[in-house]
């Protein structure tokens, strides 16, 4: 599943770096913290690899 926005892609990248031990997990906040706790490294890598070109900065949640 590719990232839907730039912010989602960047949060996945931060969570992935924490999973790999390149960054402290204590520095994560919000969505990146939730991703770190609930997703596997493979899932995070798939989101983080998404190209940002042409993606919106943010996608509003549908009601």
Protein backbone atom coordinates (compact mmCIF):
# COMPACT_ATOMS: atom_id res chain seq x y z
CA UNK A 1 0.00 0.00 0.00
CA UNK A 2 1.68 3.21 -1.10
CA UNK A 3 1.59 6.36 1.01
CA UNK A 4 -1.28 8.74 0.22
CA UNK A 5 0.50 11.94 1.26
CA UNK A 6 3.94 13.42 1.84
CA UNK A 7 3.36 13.57 5.58
CA UNK A 8 2.41 9.89 5.72
CA UNK A 9 5.52 8.95 3.76
CA UNK A 10 7.81 11.00 6.00
CA UNK A 11 6.22 9.56 9.18
CA UNK A 12 6.77 6.05 7.84
CA UNK A 13 10.41 6.88 7.16
CA UNK A 14 10.91 8.11 10.72
CA UNK A 15 9.23 4.99 12.16
CA UNK A 16 11.31 2.76 9.91
CA UNK A 17 14.57 4.35 11.03
CA UNK A 18 13.52 3.77 14.66
CA UNK A 19 12.66 0.12 13.91
CA UNK A 20 16.11 -0.36 12.42
CA UNK A 21 17.77 1.25 15.45
CA UNK A 22 19.11 4.24 13.52
CA UNK A 23 17.01 6.60 15.64
CA UNK A 24 15.66 6.49 19.17
CA UNK A 25 12.02 5.41 19.38
CA UNK A 26 11.52 7.90 22.22
CA UNK A 27 11.84 10.78 19.74
CA UNK A 28 8.81 9.65 17.73
CA UNK A 29 5.48 11.43 18.13
CA UNK A 30 1.98 11.15 16.72
CA UNK A 31 1.54 9.09 13.57
CA UNK A 32 5.14 7.95 13.41
CA UNK A 33 4.88 6.56 16.97
CA UNK A 34 1.69 4.68 16.08
CA UNK A 35 3.28 3.30 12.92
CA UNK A 36 6.35 2.20 14.87
CA UNK A 37 4.24 0.28 17.37
CA UNK A 38 1.69 -1.26 14.98
CA UNK A 39 3.45 -1.99 11.68
CA UNK A 40 6.14 -4.41 10.59
CA UNK A 41 9.42 -3.27 9.09
CA UNK A 42 8.30 -4.53 5.66
CA UNK A 43 5.07 -2.50 5.81
CA UNK A 44 6.95 0.62 6.89
CA UNK A 45 9.49 0.18 4.10
CA UNK A 46 6.70 -0.05 1.52
CA UNK A 47 5.17 3.22 2.76
CA UNK A 48 8.52 4.97 3.05
CA UNK A 49 9.59 4.01 -0.50
CA UNK A 50 6.61 5.81 -2.04
CA UNK A 51 7.69 8.67 -4.28
CA UNK A 52 6.61 12.06 -2.95
CA UNK A 53 6.38 13.76 -6.32
CA UNK A 54 2.75 14.61 -7.10
CA UNK A 55 1.48 13.68 -3.64
CA UNK A 56 -0.52 16.18 -1.58
CA UNK A 57 1.02 17.35 1.69
CA UNK A 58 -1.98 16.12 3.65
CA UNK A 59 -5.09 14.07 2.95
CA UNK A 60 -8.17 14.82 5.02
CA UNK A 61 -9.88 11.84 6.66
CA UNK A 62 -13.23 11.05 5.07
CA UNK A 63 -16.25 11.01 7.36
